[in-house]
Amino acid sequence: MGERIVKKTQTFDKALKHIKDKKLKIKIFKQIKKVVENPSIGKPMKNVRKGTRELYIKPFRISYAYTENTITFLEFYHKDKQ
């Protein structure tokens, strides 16, 4: 398998910039690394979000989509605010 292309939406970048807690940021980046290594680890979504996956980092979610060689991080949001 070749190299994976990793993309981030502006929404995702903007949400990450607002996170001030260093421990939380470390957890987030560890989860991002896991997704890049194995994109199928996230929970597959249904209905409107079909075709995307999500990872839970208490109390947040990382939403992403992937194809064979591209991973796009879509959103980072608080579980109760979506």
N, C-alpha and C. Protein backbone atom coordinates (compact mmCIF):
# COMPACT_ATOMS: atom_id res chain seq x y z
N MET A 1 0.85 -1.18 0.00
CA MET A 1 0.00 0.00 0.00
C MET A 1 0.89 1.24 0.00
N GLY A 2 0.52 2.26 -0.77
CA GLY A 2 1.30 3.49 -0.87
C GLY A 2 1.05 4.44 0.28
N GLU A 3 1.58 5.63 0.12
CA GLU A 3 1.41 6.66 1.13
C GLU A 3 -0.03 7.14 1.18
N ARG A 4 -0.49 7.49 2.37
CA ARG A 4 -1.83 8.05 2.53
C ARG A 4 -1.75 9.57 2.47
N ILE A 5 -2.73 10.16 1.85
CA ILE A 5 -2.85 11.61 1.82
C ILE A 5 -3.79 12.00 2.95
N VAL A 6 -3.35 12.92 3.80
CA VAL A 6 -4.17 13.36 4.93
C VAL A 6 -4.56 14.82 4.69
N LYS A 7 -5.87 15.08 4.74
CA LYS A 7 -6.39 16.42 4.55
C LYS A 7 -7.21 16.81 5.77
N LYS A 8 -7.32 18.12 6.00
CA LYS A 8 -8.14 18.64 7.08
C LYS A 8 -9.01 19.77 6.53
N THR A 9 -10.26 19.81 6.94
CA THR A 9 -11.12 20.92 6.53
C THR A 9 -10.80 22.14 7.39
N GLN A 10 -11.23 23.31 6.93
CA GLN A 10 -11.04 24.53 7.72
C GLN A 10 -11.79 24.43 9.03
N THR A 11 -12.96 23.81 9.01
CA THR A 11 -13.77 23.63 10.22
C THR A 11 -12.99 22.82 11.26
N PHE A 12 -12.34 21.76 10.81
CA PHE A 12 -11.56 20.90 11.70
C PHE A 12 -10.39 21.68 12.29
N ASP A 13 -9.63 22.37 11.43
CA ASP A 13 -8.49 23.16 11.90
C ASP A 13 -8.91 24.22 12.90
N LYS A 14 -9.99 24.91 12.60
CA LYS A 14 -10.47 25.99 13.47
C LYS A 14 -10.85 25.45 14.85
N ALA A 15 -11.53 24.31 14.88
CA ALA A 15 -11.94 23.71 16.15
C ALA A 15 -10.72 23.30 16.98
N LEU A 16 -9.70 22.74 16.32
CA LEU A 16 -8.49 22.32 17.04
C LEU A 16 -7.74 23.51 17.62
N LYS A 17 -7.74 24.62 16.91
CA LYS A 17 -7.03 25.82 17.40
C LYS A 17 -7.65 26.36 18.68
N HIS A 18 -8.92 26.09 18.90
CA HIS A 18 -9.60 26.59 20.10
C HIS A 18 -9.35 25.72 21.34
N ILE A 19 -8.74 24.56 21.17
CA ILE A 19 -8.46 23.67 22.29
C ILE A 19 -7.21 24.17 23.01
N LYS A 20 -7.36 24.52 24.27
CA LYS A 20 -6.23 25.04 25.06
C LYS A 20 -5.60 23.98 25.97
N ASP A 21 -6.37 22.95 26.32
CA ASP A 21 -5.91 21.91 27.23
C ASP A 21 -4.86 21.03 26.53
N LYS A 22 -3.62 21.08 27.03
CA LYS A 22 -2.51 20.35 26.39
C LYS A 22 -2.71 18.84 26.44
N LYS A 23 -3.22 18.32 27.55
CA LYS A 23 -3.46 16.88 27.67
C LYS A 23 -4.49 16.42 26.65
N LEU A 24 -5.54 17.20 26.46
CA LEU A 24 -6.56 16.87 25.48
C LEU A 24 -5.97 16.90 24.07
N LYS A 25 -5.15 17.90 23.78
CA LYS A 25 -4.52 17.99 22.46
C LYS A 25 -3.65 16.76 22.18
N ILE A 26 -2.94 16.30 23.19
CA ILE A 26 -2.10 15.10 23.03
C ILE A 26 -2.98 13.90 22.70
N LYS A 27 -4.11 13.74 23.41
CA LYS A 27 -5.04 12.64 23.14
C LYS A 27 -5.57 12.73 21.71
N ILE A 28 -5.92 13.94 21.29
CA ILE A 28 -6.46 14.15 19.95
C ILE A 28 -5.44 13.73 18.90
N PHE A 29 -4.20 14.18 19.04
CA PHE A 29 -3.19 13.86 18.04
C PHE A 29 -2.82 12.38 18.04
N LYS A 30 -2.91 11.73 19.20
CA LYS A 30 -2.69 10.27 19.23
C LYS A 30 -3.79 9.55 18.45
N GLN A 31 -5.03 10.03 18.60
CA GLN A 31 -6.14 9.40 17.88
C GLN A 31 -6.03 9.67 16.38
N ILE A 32 -5.60 10.86 16.01
CA ILE A 32 -5.40 11.18 14.59
C ILE A 32 -4.35 10.25 14.01
N LYS A 33 -3.28 10.01 14.76
CA LYS A 33 -2.23 9.11 14.29
C LYS A 33 -2.78 7.69 14.09
N LYS A 34 -3.63 7.24 15.02
CA LYS A 34 -4.23 5.91 14.90
C LYS A 34 -5.11 5.82 13.66
N VAL A 35 -5.85 6.88 13.37
CA VAL A 35 -6.72 6.89 12.18
C VAL A 35 -5.87 6.80 10.92
N VAL A 36 -4.77 7.55 10.89
CA VAL A 36 -3.90 7.53 9.71
C VAL A 36 -3.33 6.12 9.50
N GLU A 37 -2.97 5.45 10.60
CA GLU A 37 -2.42 4.10 10.51
C GLU A 37 -3.47 3.07 10.12
N ASN A 38 -4.70 3.24 10.63
CA ASN A 38 -5.78 2.28 10.37
C ASN A 38 -7.12 3.03 10.28
N PRO A 39 -7.49 3.53 9.10
CA PRO A 39 -8.69 4.37 8.95
C PRO A 39 -10.01 3.67 9.31
N SER A 40 -10.03 2.37 9.36
CA SER A 40 -11.30 1.69 9.64
C SER A 40 -11.60 1.57 11.13
N ILE A 41 -10.80 2.17 12.01
CA ILE A 41 -11.04 2.03 13.45
C ILE A 41 -12.24 2.81 13.95
N GLY A 42 -12.63 3.87 13.25
CA GLY A 42 -13.75 4.69 13.70
C GLY A 42 -15.08 4.00 13.48
N LYS A 43 -16.09 4.47 14.20
CA LYS A 43 -17.44 3.93 14.08
C LYS A 43 -18.08 4.45 12.79
N PRO A 44 -18.55 3.55 11.92
CA PRO A 44 -19.21 3.99 10.69
C PRO A 44 -20.54 4.68 11.02
N MET A 45 -20.79 5.81 10.38
CA MET A 45 -21.99 6.56 10.66
C MET A 45 -23.11 6.19 9.67
N LYS A 46 -24.34 6.53 10.03
CA LYS A 46 -25.51 6.20 9.21
C LYS A 46 -26.25 7.47 8.81
N ASN A 47 -27.27 7.30 8.01
CA ASN A 47 -28.17 8.36 7.56
C ASN A 47 -27.42 9.52 6.92
N VAL A 48 -27.58 10.73 7.45
CA VAL A 48 -27.00 11.93 6.85
C VAL A 48 -25.47 11.87 6.82
N ARG A 49 -24.89 11.23 7.79
CA ARG A 49 -23.43 11.15 7.89
C ARG A 49 -22.86 9.88 7.24
N LYS A 50 -23.66 9.18 6.48
CA LYS A 50 -23.21 7.95 5.84
C LYS A 50 -21.96 8.23 5.00
N GLY A 51 -20.99 7.34 5.07
CA GLY A 51 -19.74 7.52 4.35
C GLY A 51 -18.66 8.14 5.20
N THR A 52 -19.01 8.50 6.44
CA THR A 52 -18.02 9.05 7.36
C THR A 52 -17.88 8.11 8.56
N ARG A 53 -16.85 8.35 9.32
CA ARG A 53 -16.61 7.59 10.55
C ARG A 53 -16.31 8.57 11.67
N GLU A 54 -16.47 8.10 12.91
CA GLU A 54 -16.21 8.95 14.06
C GLU A 54 -15.44 8.20 15.14
N LEU A 55 -14.59 8.96 15.81
CA LEU A 55 -13.88 8.48 16.99
C LEU A 55 -14.30 9.32 18.17
N TYR A 56 -14.45 8.69 19.30
CA TYR A 56 -14.89 9.37 20.53
C TYR A 56 -13.68 9.64 21.41
N ILE A 57 -13.49 10.91 21.74
CA ILE A 57 -12.47 11.31 22.71
C ILE A 57 -13.24 12.12 23.75
N LYS A 58 -13.59 11.49 24.82
CA LYS A 58 -14.50 12.04 25.82
C LYS A 58 -14.22 13.50 26.11
N PRO A 59 -15.15 14.41 25.98
CA PRO A 59 -16.52 14.34 25.48
C PRO A 59 -16.64 14.80 24.02
N PHE A 60 -15.60 14.64 23.24
CA PHE A 60 -15.59 15.12 21.86
C PHE A 60 -15.66 13.99 20.85
N ARG A 61 -15.87 14.38 19.59
CA ARG A 61 -15.88 13.45 18.47
C ARG A 61 -14.98 14.00 17.36
N ILE A 62 -14.28 13.09 16.70
CA ILE A 62 -13.55 13.42 15.49
C ILE A 62 -14.29 12.74 14.36
N SER A 63 -14.72 13.53 13.38
CA SER A 63 -15.42 12.99 12.23
C SER A 63 -14.47 13.02 11.03
N TYR A 64 -14.41 11.90 10.30
CA TYR A 64 -13.52 11.83 9.15
C TYR A 64 -14.10 10.91 8.08
N ALA A 65 -13.57 11.06 6.88
CA ALA A 65 -13.96 10.21 5.76
C ALA A 65 -12.67 9.70 5.13
N TYR A 66 -12.73 8.52 4.54
CA TYR A 66 -11.53 8.04 3.86
C TYR A 66 -11.88 7.22 2.63
N THR A 67 -10.95 7.28 1.69
CA THR A 67 -11.01 6.44 0.51
C THR A 67 -9.76 5.58 0.57
N GLU A 68 -9.46 4.91 -0.49
CA GLU A 68 -8.32 3.98 -0.49
C GLU A 68 -7.02 4.61 0.01
N ASN A 69 -6.71 5.84 -0.41
CA ASN A 69 -5.43 6.43 -0.01
C ASN A 69 -5.56 7.85 0.53
N THR A 70 -6.78 8.33 0.78
CA THR A 70 -6.97 9.69 1.29
C THR A 70 -7.85 9.67 2.53
N ILE A 71 -7.39 10.37 3.57
CA ILE A 71 -8.17 10.55 4.79
C ILE A 71 -8.44 12.04 4.93
N THR A 72 -9.71 12.40 5.11
CA THR A 72 -10.08 13.80 5.29
C THR A 72 -10.74 13.95 6.64
N PHE A 73 -10.11 14.74 7.50
CA PHE A 73 -10.68 15.03 8.82
C PHE A 73 -11.68 16.16 8.63
N LEU A 74 -12.95 15.89 8.96
CA LEU A 74 -14.04 16.80 8.66
C LEU A 74 -14.38 17.74 9.80
N GLU A 75 -14.61 17.16 10.99
CA GLU A 75 -15.07 17.97 12.12
C GLU A 75 -14.47 17.46 13.42
N PHE A 76 -14.35 18.38 14.36
CA PHE A 76 -14.02 18.05 15.74
C PHE A 76 -15.03 18.82 16.56
N TYR A 77 -15.90 18.11 17.28
CA TYR A 77 -16.98 18.80 17.97
C TYR A 77 -17.29 18.13 19.31
N HIS A 78 -17.96 18.90 20.17
CA HIS A 78 -18.41 18.42 21.46
C HIS A 78 -19.62 17.52 21.25
N LYS A 79 -19.63 16.39 21.89
CA LYS A 79 -20.69 15.39 21.72
C LYS A 79 -22.09 15.97 21.91
N ASP A 80 -22.29 16.80 22.91
CA ASP A 80 -23.63 17.30 23.23
C ASP A 80 -24.04 18.53 22.42
N LYS A 81 -23.14 19.08 21.61
CA LYS A 81 -23.46 20.30 20.88
C LYS A 81 -23.75 20.06 19.42
N GLN A 82 -23.79 18.82 18.97
CA GLN A 82 -24.04 18.52 17.56
C GLN A 82 -25.48 18.19 17.34
